[in-house]
PDB file of N, CA and C in Angstrom:
ATOM      1  N   UNK A   1      35.379 -30.285 -23.005  1.00  0.00           N
ATOM      2  CA  UNK A   1      35.721 -29.451 -21.866  1.00  0.00           C
ATOM      3  C   UNK A   1      34.594 -29.544 -20.840  1.00  0.00           C
ATOM      4  N   UNK A   2      34.894 -29.927 -19.610  1.00  0.00           N
ATOM      5  CA  UNK A   2      33.857 -30.078 -18.582  1.00  0.00           C
ATOM      6  C   UNK A   2      33.315 -28.724 -18.124  1.00  0.00           C
ATOM      7  N   UNK A   3      32.076 -28.743 -17.721  1.00  0.00           N
ATOM      8  CA  UNK A   3      31.430 -27.535 -17.186  1.00  0.00           C
ATOM      9  C   UNK A   3      31.990 -27.261 -15.794  1.00  0.00           C
ATOM     10  N   UNK A   4      32.371 -26.010 -15.506  1.00  0.00           N
ATOM     11  CA  UNK A   4      32.908 -25.713 -14.171  1.00  0.00           C
ATOM     12  C   UNK A   4      31.828 -25.893 -13.105  1.00  0.00           C
ATOM     13  N   UNK A   5      32.252 -26.303 -11.932  1.00  0.00           N
ATOM     14  CA  UNK A   5      31.312 -26.488 -10.820  1.00  0.00           C
ATOM     15  C   UNK A   5      30.875 -25.125 -10.280  1.00  0.00           C
ATOM     16  N   UNK A   6      29.641 -25.069  -9.856  1.00  0.00           N
ATOM     17  CA  UNK A   6      29.130 -23.838  -9.256  1.00  0.00           C
ATOM     18  C   UNK A   6      29.638 -23.728  -7.819  1.00  0.00           C
ATOM     19  N   UNK A   7      29.904 -22.502  -7.375  1.00  0.00           N
ATOM     20  CA  UNK A   7      30.340 -22.342  -5.984  1.00  0.00           C
ATOM     21  C   UNK A   7      29.168 -22.601  -5.038  1.00  0.00           C
ATOM     22  N   UNK A   8      29.433 -23.020  -3.812  1.00  0.00           N
ATOM     23  CA  UNK A   8      28.342 -23.243  -2.852  1.00  0.00           C
ATOM     24  C   UNK A   8      27.668 -21.911  -2.513  1.00  0.00           C
ATOM     25  N   UNK A   9      26.369 -21.957  -2.382  1.00  0.00           N
ATOM     26  CA  UNK A   9      25.597 -20.737  -2.106  1.00  0.00           C
ATOM     27  C   UNK A   9      24.973 -20.747  -0.711  1.00  0.00           C
ATOM     28  N   UNK A  10      25.460 -21.620   0.147  1.00  0.00           N
ATOM     29  CA  UNK A  10      24.870 -21.734   1.485  1.00  0.00           C
ATOM     30  C   UNK A  10      24.943 -20.424   2.269  1.00  0.00           C
ATOM     31  N   UNK A  11      26.082 -19.753   2.244  1.00  0.00           N
ATOM     32  CA  UNK A  11      26.229 -18.498   2.982  1.00  0.00           C
ATOM     33  C   UNK A  11      25.280 -17.426   2.479  1.00  0.00           C
ATOM     34  N   UNK A  12      25.144 -17.326   1.167  1.00  0.00           N
ATOM     35  CA  UNK A  12      24.234 -16.347   0.574  1.00  0.00           C
ATOM     36  C   UNK A  12      22.790 -16.673   0.935  1.00  0.00           C
ATOM     37  N   UNK A  13      22.440 -17.953   0.902  1.00  0.00           N
ATOM     38  CA  UNK A  13      21.073 -18.355   1.256  1.00  0.00           C
ATOM     39  C   UNK A  13      20.760 -18.006   2.708  1.00  0.00           C
ATOM     40  N   UNK A  14      21.704 -18.237   3.615  1.00  0.00           N
ATOM     41  CA  UNK A  14      21.482 -17.893   5.030  1.00  0.00           C
ATOM     42  C   UNK A  14      21.289 -16.391   5.200  1.00  0.00           C
ATOM     43  N   UNK A  15      22.106 -15.606   4.495  1.00  0.00           N
ATOM     44  CA  UNK A  15      22.004 -14.151   4.591  1.00  0.00           C
ATOM     45  C   UNK A  15      20.654 -13.670   4.063  1.00  0.00           C
ATOM     46  N   UNK A  16      20.195 -14.204   2.945  1.00  0.00           N
ATOM     47  CA  UNK A  16      18.892 -13.828   2.393  1.00  0.00           C
ATOM     48  C   UNK A  16      17.760 -14.237   3.332  1.00  0.00           C
ATOM     49  N   UNK A  17      17.856 -15.432   3.905  1.00  0.00           N
ATOM     50  CA  UNK A  17      16.814 -15.885   4.835  1.00  0.00           C
ATOM     51  C   UNK A  17      16.726 -14.970   6.049  1.00  0.00           C
ATOM     52  N   UNK A  18      17.866 -14.543   6.580  1.00  0.00           N
ATOM     53  CA  UNK A  18      17.873 -13.622   7.715  1.00  0.00           C
ATOM     54  C   UNK A  18      17.234 -12.288   7.348  1.00  0.00           C
ATOM     55  N   UNK A  19      17.608 -11.758   6.195  1.00  0.00           N
ATOM     56  CA  UNK A  19      17.064 -10.467   5.762  1.00  0.00           C
ATOM     57  C   UNK A  19      15.557 -10.553   5.561  1.00  0.00           C
ATOM     58  N   UNK A  20      15.085 -11.636   4.991  1.00  0.00           N
ATOM     59  CA  UNK A  20      13.646 -11.808   4.764  1.00  0.00           C
ATOM     60  C   UNK A  20      12.894 -12.015   6.070  1.00  0.00           C
ATOM     61  N   UNK A  21      13.516 -12.672   7.023  1.00  0.00           N
ATOM     62  CA  UNK A  21      12.867 -12.913   8.311  1.00  0.00           C
ATOM     63  C   UNK A  21      12.646 -11.612   9.077  1.00  0.00           C
ATOM     64  N   UNK A  22      13.538 -10.651   8.893  1.00  0.00           N
ATOM     65  CA  UNK A  22      13.384  -9.364   9.569  1.00  0.00           C
ATOM     66  C   UNK A  22      12.174  -8.615   9.040  1.00  0.00           C
ATOM     67  N   UNK A  23      11.806  -8.862   7.800  1.00  0.00           N
ATOM     68  CA  UNK A  23      10.554  -8.355   7.283  1.00  0.00           C
ATOM     69  C   UNK A  23      10.567  -6.996   6.624  1.00  0.00           C
ATOM     70  N   UNK A  24      11.432  -6.100   7.005  1.00  0.00           N
ATOM     71  CA  UNK A  24      11.414  -4.781   6.383  1.00  0.00           C
ATOM     72  C   UNK A  24      12.823  -4.208   6.328  1.00  0.00           C
ATOM     73  N   UNK A  25      13.017  -3.271   5.441  1.00  0.00           N
ATOM     74  CA  UNK A  25      14.346  -2.669   5.345  1.00  0.00           C
ATOM     75  C   UNK A  25      14.729  -1.971   6.640  1.00  0.00           C
ATOM     76  N   UNK A  26      15.999  -1.890   6.902  1.00  0.00           N
ATOM     77  CA  UNK A  26      16.472  -1.279   8.140  1.00  0.00           C
ATOM     78  C   UNK A  26      16.929   0.154   7.896  1.00  0.00           C
ATOM     79  N   UNK A  27      16.197   0.887   7.103  1.00  0.00           N
ATOM     80  CA  UNK A  27      16.581   2.274   6.840  1.00  0.00           C
ATOM     81  C   UNK A  27      15.837   3.260   7.735  1.00  0.00           C
ATOM     82  N   UNK A  28      14.950   2.765   8.603  1.00  0.00           N
ATOM     83  CA  UNK A  28      14.269   3.630   9.550  1.00  0.00           C
ATOM     84  C   UNK A  28      12.931   4.176   9.079  1.00  0.00           C
ATOM     85  N   UNK A  29      12.573   3.971   7.826  1.00  0.00           N
ATOM     86  CA  UNK A  29      11.319   4.495   7.311  1.00  0.00           C
ATOM     87  C   UNK A  29      10.170   3.529   7.573  1.00  0.00           C
ATOM     88  N   UNK A  30       9.001   4.095   7.780  1.00  0.00           N
ATOM     89  CA  UNK A  30       7.759   3.321   7.853  1.00  0.00           C
ATOM     90  C   UNK A  30       7.127   3.407   6.476  1.00  0.00           C
ATOM     91  N   UNK A  31       6.758   2.258   5.928  1.00  0.00           N
ATOM     92  CA  UNK A  31       6.167   2.208   4.588  1.00  0.00           C
ATOM     93  C   UNK A  31       4.782   1.584   4.652  1.00  0.00           C
ATOM     94  N   UNK A  32       3.908   2.067   3.781  1.00  0.00           N
ATOM     95  CA  UNK A  32       2.590   1.470   3.648  1.00  0.00           C
ATOM     96  C   UNK A  32       2.205   1.519   2.181  1.00  0.00           C
ATOM     97  N   UNK A  33       1.633   0.425   1.699  1.00  0.00           N
ATOM     98  CA  UNK A  33       1.226   0.326   0.300  1.00  0.00           C
ATOM     99  C   UNK A  33      -0.292   0.329   0.222  1.00  0.00           C
ATOM    100  N   UNK A  34      -0.823   1.079  -0.728  1.00  0.00           N
ATOM    101  CA  UNK A  34      -2.261   1.196  -0.937  1.00  0.00           C
ATOM    102  C   UNK A  34      -2.592   0.864  -2.384  1.00  0.00           C
ATOM    103  N   UNK A  35      -3.771   0.305  -2.613  1.00  0.00           N
ATOM    104  CA  UNK A  35      -4.303   0.076  -3.953  1.00  0.00           C
ATOM    105  C   UNK A  35      -5.706   0.678  -3.932  1.00  0.00           C
ATOM    106  N   UNK A  36      -5.842   1.847  -4.560  1.00  0.00           N
ATOM    107  CA  UNK A  36      -7.082   2.608  -4.465  1.00  0.00           C
ATOM    108  C   UNK A  36      -7.454   3.219  -5.816  1.00  0.00           C
ATOM    109  N   UNK A  37      -8.752   3.528  -6.013  1.00  0.00           N
ATOM    110  CA  UNK A  37      -9.120   4.314  -7.195  1.00  0.00           C
ATOM    111  C   UNK A  37      -8.394   5.662  -7.143  1.00  0.00           C
ATOM    112  N   UNK A  38      -8.178   6.263  -8.309  1.00  0.00           N
ATOM    113  CA  UNK A  38      -7.356   7.472  -8.410  1.00  0.00           C
ATOM    114  C   UNK A  38      -7.762   8.569  -7.433  1.00  0.00           C
ATOM    115  N   UNK A  39      -9.040   8.874  -7.331  1.00  0.00           N
ATOM    116  CA  UNK A  39      -9.465   9.974  -6.447  1.00  0.00           C
ATOM    117  C   UNK A  39      -9.197   9.629  -4.983  1.00  0.00           C
ATOM    118  N   UNK A  40      -9.451   8.373  -4.601  1.00  0.00           N
ATOM    119  CA  UNK A  40      -9.175   7.955  -3.224  1.00  0.00           C
ATOM    120  C   UNK A  40      -7.674   7.938  -2.944  1.00  0.00           C
ATOM    121  N   UNK A  41      -6.883   7.576  -3.949  1.00  0.00           N
ATOM    122  CA  UNK A  41      -5.419   7.569  -3.782  1.00  0.00           C
ATOM    123  C   UNK A  41      -4.909   8.986  -3.524  1.00  0.00           C
ATOM    124  N   UNK A  42      -5.436   9.950  -4.236  1.00  0.00           N
ATOM    125  CA  UNK A  42      -5.046  11.349  -4.008  1.00  0.00           C
ATOM    126  C   UNK A  42      -5.402  11.794  -2.595  1.00  0.00           C
ATOM    127  N   UNK A  43      -6.606  11.429  -2.159  1.00  0.00           N
ATOM    128  CA  UNK A  43      -7.029  11.804  -0.807  1.00  0.00           C
ATOM    129  C   UNK A  43      -6.157  11.142   0.259  1.00  0.00           C
ATOM    130  N   UNK A  44      -5.815   9.866   0.060  1.00  0.00           N
ATOM    131  CA  UNK A  44      -4.977   9.153   1.020  1.00  0.00           C
ATOM    132  C   UNK A  44      -3.583   9.785   1.089  1.00  0.00           C
ATOM    133  N   UNK A  45      -3.007  10.094  -0.060  1.00  0.00           N
ATOM    134  CA  UNK A  45      -1.684  10.730  -0.078  1.00  0.00           C
ATOM    135  C   UNK A  45      -1.741  12.091   0.612  1.00  0.00           C
ATOM    136  N   UNK A  46      -2.780  12.870   0.336  1.00  0.00           N
ATOM    137  CA  UNK A  46      -2.919  14.181   0.972  1.00  0.00           C
ATOM    138  C   UNK A  46      -3.074  14.040   2.478  1.00  0.00           C
ATOM    139  N   UNK A  47      -3.811  13.014   2.911  1.00  0.00           N
ATOM    140  CA  UNK A  47      -3.978  12.748   4.341  1.00  0.00           C
ATOM    141  C   UNK A  47      -2.623  12.485   5.008  1.00  0.00           C
ATOM    142  N   UNK A  48      -1.788  11.682   4.364  1.00  0.00           N
ATOM    143  CA  UNK A  48      -0.453  11.394   4.909  1.00  0.00           C
ATOM    144  C   UNK A  48       0.393  12.655   4.994  1.00  0.00           C
ATOM    145  N   UNK A  49       0.389  13.463   3.929  1.00  0.00           N
ATOM    146  CA  UNK A  49       1.203  14.683   3.919  1.00  0.00           C
ATOM    147  C   UNK A  49       0.686  15.710   4.920  1.00  0.00           C
ATOM    148  N   UNK A  50      -0.624  15.732   5.167  1.00  0.00           N
ATOM    149  CA  UNK A  50      -1.171  16.631   6.181  1.00  0.00           C
ATOM    150  C   UNK A  50      -0.805  16.155   7.588  1.00  0.00           C
ATOM    151  N   UNK A  51      -0.887  14.850   7.799  1.00  0.00           N
ATOM    152  CA  UNK A  51      -0.628  14.295   9.134  1.00  0.00           C
ATOM    153  C   UNK A  51       0.859  14.249   9.472  1.00  0.00           C
ATOM    154  N   UNK A  52       1.689  13.897   8.483  1.00  0.00           N
ATOM    155  CA  UNK A  52       3.134  13.815   8.676  1.00  0.00           C
ATOM    156  C   UNK A  52       3.805  14.689   7.617  1.00  0.00           C
ATOM    157  N   UNK A  53       3.990  15.981   7.887  1.00  0.00           N
ATOM    158  CA  UNK A  53       4.531  16.914   6.888  1.00  0.00           C
ATOM    159  C   UNK A  53       5.902  16.471   6.365  1.00  0.00           C
ATOM    160  N   UNK A  54       6.101  16.717   5.084  1.00  0.00           N
ATOM    161  CA  UNK A  54       7.333  16.302   4.417  1.00  0.00           C
ATOM    162  C   UNK A  54       8.575  16.887   5.082  1.00  0.00           C
ATOM    163  N   UNK A  55       8.520  18.137   5.505  1.00  0.00           N
ATOM    164  CA  UNK A  55       9.675  18.800   6.088  1.00  0.00           C
ATOM    165  C   UNK A  55      10.130  18.128   7.382  1.00  0.00           C
ATOM    166  N   UNK A  56       9.201  17.601   8.172  1.00  0.00           N
ATOM    167  CA  UNK A  56       9.548  17.013   9.457  1.00  0.00           C
ATOM    168  C   UNK A  56       9.755  15.497   9.385  1.00  0.00           C
ATOM    169  N   UNK A  57       8.959  14.817   8.572  1.00  0.00           N
ATOM    170  CA  UNK A  57       8.980  13.354   8.537  1.00  0.00           C
ATOM    171  C   UNK A  57       9.575  12.777   7.258  1.00  0.00           C
ATOM    172  N   UNK A  58      10.007  13.616   6.346  1.00  0.00           N
ATOM    173  CA  UNK A  58      10.539  13.193   5.049  1.00  0.00           C
ATOM    174  C   UNK A  58       9.538  12.313   4.303  1.00  0.00           C
ATOM    175  N   UNK A  59       8.278  12.625   4.447  1.00  0.00           N
ATOM    176  CA  UNK A  59       7.224  11.861   3.791  1.00  0.00           C
ATOM    177  C   UNK A  59       7.369  11.979   2.280  1.00  0.00           C
ATOM    178  N   UNK A  60       7.232  10.836   1.600  1.00  0.00           N
ATOM    179  CA  UNK A  60       7.305  10.858   0.135  1.00  0.00           C
ATOM    180  C   UNK A  60       6.608   9.637  -0.442  1.00  0.00           C
ATOM    181  N   UNK A  61       6.156   9.789  -1.685  1.00  0.00           N
ATOM    182  CA  UNK A  61       5.635   8.657  -2.440  1.00  0.00           C
ATOM    183  C   UNK A  61       6.854   7.930  -2.981  1.00  0.00           C
ATOM    184  N   UNK A  62       7.068   6.715  -2.511  1.00  0.00           N
ATOM    185  CA  UNK A  62       8.254   5.966  -2.892  1.00  0.00           C
ATOM    186  C   UNK A  62       8.113   5.364  -4.292  1.00  0.00           C
ATOM    187  N   UNK A  63       6.934   4.832  -4.605  1.00  0.00           N
ATOM    188  CA  UNK A  63       6.687   4.273  -5.931  1.00  0.00           C
ATOM    189  C   UNK A  63       5.186   4.278  -6.182  1.00  0.00           C
ATOM    190  N   UNK A  64       4.825   4.296  -7.459  1.00  0.00           N
ATOM    191  CA  UNK A  64       3.416   4.203  -7.802  1.00  0.00           C
ATOM    192  C   UNK A  64       3.278   3.581  -9.178  1.00  0.00           C
ATOM    193  N   UNK A  65       2.143   2.894  -9.361  1.00  0.00           N
ATOM    194  CA  UNK A  65       1.838   2.218 -10.612  1.00  0.00           C
ATOM    195  C   UNK A  65       0.376   2.446 -10.938  1.00  0.00           C
ATOM    196  N   UNK A  66       0.105   2.659 -12.203  1.00  0.00           N
ATOM    197  CA  UNK A  66      -1.274   2.789 -12.652  1.00  0.00           C
ATOM    198  C   UNK A  66      -1.758   1.415 -13.078  1.00  0.00           C
ATOM    199  N   UNK A  67      -2.794   0.936 -12.417  1.00  0.00           N
ATOM    200  CA  UNK A  67      -3.393  -0.364 -12.714  1.00  0.00           C
ATOM    201  C   UNK A  67      -4.613  -0.174 -13.619  1.00  0.00           C
ATOM    202  N   UNK A  68      -5.132  -1.244 -14.167  1.00  0.00           N
ATOM    203  CA  UNK A  68      -6.337  -1.114 -15.000  1.00  0.00           C
ATOM    204  C   UNK A  68      -7.504  -0.493 -14.227  1.00  0.00           C
ATOM    205  N   UNK A  69      -8.428   0.071 -14.955  1.00  0.00           N
ATOM    206  CA  UNK A  69      -9.657   0.674 -14.404  1.00  0.00           C
ATOM    207  C   UNK A  69      -9.371   1.870 -13.505  1.00  0.00           C
ATOM    208  N   UNK A  70      -8.328   2.636 -13.821  1.00  0.00           N
ATOM    209  CA  UNK A  70      -8.003   3.869 -13.106  1.00  0.00           C
ATOM    210  C   UNK A  70      -7.728   3.635 -11.614  1.00  0.00           C
ATOM    211  N   UNK A  71      -7.051   2.534 -11.327  1.00  0.00           N
ATOM    212  CA  UNK A  71      -6.653   2.195  -9.962  1.00  0.00           C
ATOM    213  C   UNK A  71      -5.161   2.470  -9.826  1.00  0.00           C
ATOM    214  N   UNK A  72      -4.776   3.077  -8.710  1.00  0.00           N
ATOM    215  CA  UNK A  72      -3.378   3.421  -8.456  1.00  0.00           C
ATOM    216  C   UNK A  72      -2.883   2.585  -7.276  1.00  0.00           C
ATOM    217  N   UNK A  73      -1.739   1.946  -7.478  1.00  0.00           N
ATOM    218  CA  UNK A  73      -1.050   1.254  -6.389  1.00  0.00           C
ATOM    219  C   UNK A  73       0.171   2.088  -6.049  1.00  0.00           C
ATOM    220  N   UNK A  74       0.304   2.487  -4.785  1.00  0.00           N
ATOM    221  CA  UNK A  74       1.441   3.314  -4.416  1.00  0.00           C
ATOM    222  C   UNK A  74       1.940   2.973  -3.024  1.00  0.00           C
ATOM    223  N   UNK A  75       3.220   3.208  -2.834  1.00  0.00           N
ATOM    224  CA  UNK A  75       3.855   3.015  -1.538  1.00  0.00           C
ATOM    225  C   UNK A  75       4.325   4.375  -1.058  1.00  0.00           C
ATOM    226  N   UNK A  76       3.935   4.709   0.154  1.00  0.00           N
ATOM    227  CA  UNK A  76       4.321   5.984   0.745  1.00  0.00           C
ATOM    228  C   UNK A  76       5.178   5.685   1.979  1.00  0.00           C
ATOM    229  N   UNK A  77       6.153   6.527   2.225  1.00  0.00           N
ATOM    230  CA  UNK A  77       7.031   6.292   3.368  1.00  0.00           C
ATOM    231  C   UNK A  77       7.207   7.561   4.175  1.00  0.00           C
ATOM    232  N   UNK A  78       7.583   7.364   5.449  1.00  0.00           N
ATOM    233  CA  UNK A  78       7.851   8.495   6.341  1.00  0.00           C
ATOM    234  C   UNK A  78       8.741   8.014   7.471  1.00  0.00           C
ATOM    235  N   UNK A  79       9.343   8.942   8.155  1.00  0.00           N
ATOM    236  CA  UNK A  79      10.116   8.607   9.346  1.00  0.00           C
ATOM    237  C   UNK A  79       9.145   8.394  10.504  1.00  0.00           C
ATOM    238  N   UNK A  80       9.490   7.567  11.486  1.00  0.00           N
ATOM    239  CA  UNK A  80       8.580   7.316  12.593  1.00  0.00           C
ATOM    240  C   UNK A  80       8.353   8.515  13.518  1.00  0.00           C
ATOM    241  N   UNK A  81       9.312   9.443  13.576  1.00  0.00           N
ATOM    242  CA  UNK A  81       9.190  10.609  14.442  1.00  0.00           C
ATOM    243  C   UNK A  81       9.919  11.788  13.811  1.00  0.00           C
ATOM    244  N   UNK A  82       9.451  12.987  14.129  1.00  0.00           N
ATOM    245  CA  UNK A  82      10.118  14.189  13.636  1.00  0.00           C
ATOM    246  C   UNK A  82      11.226  14.579  14.624  1.00  0.00           C
ATOM    247  N   UNK A  83      12.320  15.062  14.091  1.00  0.00           N
ATOM    248  CA  UNK A  83      13.430  15.502  14.952  1.00  0.00           C
ATOM    249  C   UNK A  83      13.434  16.991  15.083  1.00  0.00           C
TER     250      UNK A  83
END
């Protein structure tokens, strides 16, 4: 029994290339990723929440990972302007 042929993926490749070229998600949030020692990471997160309050900018820690040597990598996001 012959192996079925794979469908062409040209359209999918073009769509992925376009999305990657734009560089960031189109959900309206501004994101920034930091890799800092734990105490500095806490201070940086607090700085963001003080500068862009959660209630107005929907500021939140989107993801975080604990790296070796007590280093935290985290991505924080917020809206560009308060409404």
